[in-house]
C-alpha atoms as a PDB file:
ATOM      1  CA  UNK A   1       0.000   0.000   0.000  1.00  0.00           C
ATOM      2  CA  UNK A   2       1.286   3.466  -0.830  1.00  0.00           C
ATOM      3  CA  UNK A   3       2.075   5.924   1.944  1.00  0.00           C
ATOM      4  CA  UNK A   4      -0.793   8.107   2.979  1.00  0.00           C
ATOM      5  CA  UNK A   5      -3.433   5.406   2.582  1.00  0.00           C
ATOM      6  CA  UNK A   6      -6.011   4.891   5.278  1.00  0.00           C
ATOM      7  CA  UNK A   7      -5.191   1.810   7.289  1.00  0.00           C
ATOM      8  CA  UNK A   8      -7.031  -1.226   6.028  1.00  0.00           C
ATOM      9  CA  UNK A   9      -8.177   0.445   2.807  1.00  0.00           C
ATOM     10  CA  UNK A  10      -8.102  -1.781  -0.268  1.00  0.00           C
ATOM     11  CA  UNK A  11      -7.205   1.247  -2.432  1.00  0.00           C
ATOM     12  CA  UNK A  12      -3.786   2.680  -3.149  1.00  0.00           C
ATOM     13  CA  UNK A  13      -3.133   6.382  -3.551  1.00  0.00           C
ATOM     14  CA  UNK A  14      -0.923   6.379  -6.629  1.00  0.00           C
ATOM     15  CA  UNK A  15      -0.171  10.103  -6.556  1.00  0.00           C
ATOM     16  CA  UNK A  16       0.394  10.562  -2.806  1.00  0.00           C
ATOM     17  CA  UNK A  17       4.015  11.736  -3.112  1.00  0.00           C
ATOM     18  CA  UNK A  18       3.245  14.008  -6.076  1.00  0.00           C
ATOM     19  CA  UNK A  19       0.364  15.542  -4.135  1.00  0.00           C
ATOM     20  CA  UNK A  20       2.606  16.063  -1.110  1.00  0.00           C
ATOM     21  CA  UNK A  21       5.200  17.822  -3.309  1.00  0.00           C
ATOM     22  CA  UNK A  22       2.428  19.863  -4.976  1.00  0.00           C
ATOM     23  CA  UNK A  23       1.124  21.012  -1.582  1.00  0.00           C
ATOM     24  CA  UNK A  24       4.643  21.906  -0.437  1.00  0.00           C
ATOM     25  CA  UNK A  25       5.902  23.641  -3.604  1.00  0.00           C
ATOM     26  CA  UNK A  26       2.810  24.789  -5.473  1.00  0.00           C
ATOM     27  CA  UNK A  27       4.182  23.207  -8.656  1.00  0.00           C
ATOM     28  CA  UNK A  28       1.633  21.626 -10.984  1.00  0.00           C
ATOM     29  CA  UNK A  29       1.591  17.857 -11.475  1.00  0.00           C
ATOM     30  CA  UNK A  30       3.007  18.435 -14.962  1.00  0.00           C
ATOM     31  CA  UNK A  31       5.882  20.494 -13.537  1.00  0.00           C
ATOM     32  CA  UNK A  32       6.490  17.883 -10.860  1.00  0.00           C
ATOM     33  CA  UNK A  33       6.537  15.178 -13.528  1.00  0.00           C
ATOM     34  CA  UNK A  34       9.215  17.039 -15.454  1.00  0.00           C
ATOM     35  CA  UNK A  35      11.493  17.504 -12.433  1.00  0.00           C
ATOM     36  CA  UNK A  36      14.856  15.814 -12.314  1.00  0.00           C
ATOM     37  CA  UNK A  37      14.395  12.712 -10.148  1.00  0.00           C
ATOM     38  CA  UNK A  38      16.923  13.900  -7.551  1.00  0.00           C
ATOM     39  CA  UNK A  39      15.111  17.255  -7.281  1.00  0.00           C
ATOM     40  CA  UNK A  40      11.795  15.434  -6.878  1.00  0.00           C
ATOM     41  CA  UNK A  41      13.239  13.294  -4.075  1.00  0.00           C
ATOM     42  CA  UNK A  42      14.587  16.399  -2.321  1.00  0.00           C
ATOM     43  CA  UNK A  43      11.200  18.129  -2.494  1.00  0.00           C
ATOM     44  CA  UNK A  44       9.514  14.909  -1.323  1.00  0.00           C
ATOM     45  CA  UNK A  45      11.849  14.641   1.665  1.00  0.00           C
ATOM     46  CA  UNK A  46      11.401  18.289   2.616  1.00  0.00           C
ATOM     47  CA  UNK A  47       7.611  18.107   2.193  1.00  0.00           C
ATOM     48  CA  UNK A  48       7.425  15.006   4.376  1.00  0.00           C
ATOM     49  CA  UNK A  49       9.541  16.592   7.102  1.00  0.00           C
ATOM     50  CA  UNK A  50       7.459  19.778   6.976  1.00  0.00           C
ATOM     51  CA  UNK A  51       4.253  17.763   7.306  1.00  0.00           C
ATOM     52  CA  UNK A  52       5.685  15.812  10.270  1.00  0.00           C
ATOM     53  CA  UNK A  53       6.725  19.033  11.985  1.00  0.00           C
ATOM     54  CA  UNK A  54       3.116  20.222  11.969  1.00  0.00           C
ATOM     55  CA  UNK A  55       1.931  17.735  14.621  1.00  0.00           C
ATOM     56  CA  UNK A  56       3.272  16.526  17.971  1.00  0.00           C
ATOM     57  CA  UNK A  57       3.106  12.915  16.749  1.00  0.00           C
ATOM     58  CA  UNK A  58       5.045  13.841  13.622  1.00  0.00           C
ATOM     59  CA  UNK A  59       7.735  15.610  15.638  1.00  0.00           C
ATOM     60  CA  UNK A  60       8.061  12.519  17.859  1.00  0.00           C
ATOM     61  CA  UNK A  61       8.368  10.368  14.733  1.00  0.00           C
ATOM     62  CA  UNK A  62      11.157  12.591  13.397  1.00  0.00           C
ATOM     63  CA  UNK A  63      12.977  12.454  16.748  1.00  0.00           C
ATOM     64  CA  UNK A  64      12.767   8.653  16.703  1.00  0.00           C
ATOM     65  CA  UNK A  65      13.949   8.511  13.092  1.00  0.00           C
ATOM     66  CA  UNK A  66      16.901  10.780  13.869  1.00  0.00           C
ATOM     67  CA  UNK A  67      17.833   8.681  16.892  1.00  0.00           C
ATOM     68  CA  UNK A  68      17.761   5.487  14.813  1.00  0.00           C
ATOM     69  CA  UNK A  69      20.019   7.055  12.154  1.00  0.00           C
ATOM     70  CA  UNK A  70      22.797   7.712  14.654  1.00  0.00           C
ATOM     71  CA  UNK A  71      25.780   5.374  14.421  1.00  0.00           C
ATOM     72  CA  UNK A  72      27.890   6.783  17.271  1.00  0.00           C
ATOM     73  CA  UNK A  73      26.812   6.641  20.912  1.00  0.00           C
ATOM     74  CA  UNK A  74      26.042   9.820  22.821  1.00  0.00           C
ATOM     75  CA  UNK A  75      28.611   9.196  25.551  1.00  0.00           C
ATOM     76  CA  UNK A  76      27.446  12.157  27.611  1.00  0.00           C
ATOM     77  CA  UNK A  77      23.910  10.804  27.889  1.00  0.00           C
ATOM     78  CA  UNK A  78      25.230   7.305  28.582  1.00  0.00           C
ATOM     79  CA  UNK A  79      27.364   8.630  31.457  1.00  0.00           C
ATOM     80  CA  UNK A  80      24.441  10.666  32.722  1.00  0.00           C
ATOM     81  CA  UNK A  81      22.098   7.674  32.682  1.00  0.00           C
ATOM     82  CA  UNK A  82      24.410   4.866  33.804  1.00  0.00           C
ATOM     83  CA  UNK A  83      27.192   6.694  35.605  1.00  0.00           C
ATOM     84  CA  UNK A  84      30.861   7.014  34.762  1.00  0.00           C
ATOM     85  CA  UNK A  85      31.406   3.250  34.811  1.00  0.00           C
ATOM     86  CA  UNK A  86      29.351   2.700  31.649  1.00  0.00           C
END
């Protein structure tokens, strides 16, 4: 199922990402279709982040996503939580 679908719906929203980019940029679907793919992906990313920032649940989702992207431990928080022996 494409992103943006209602849970349990048997229908897919084929133009969800284009609509998200349209809402964010104001570009027409034709203009979006003619974008370089890398530019489209950048607009899609930015539009998704902007939409997430508009709700408390979205901001929590972004915080979780950022935390999961990290590859190096936050030693300061580890020391704070578990003490210097950690």
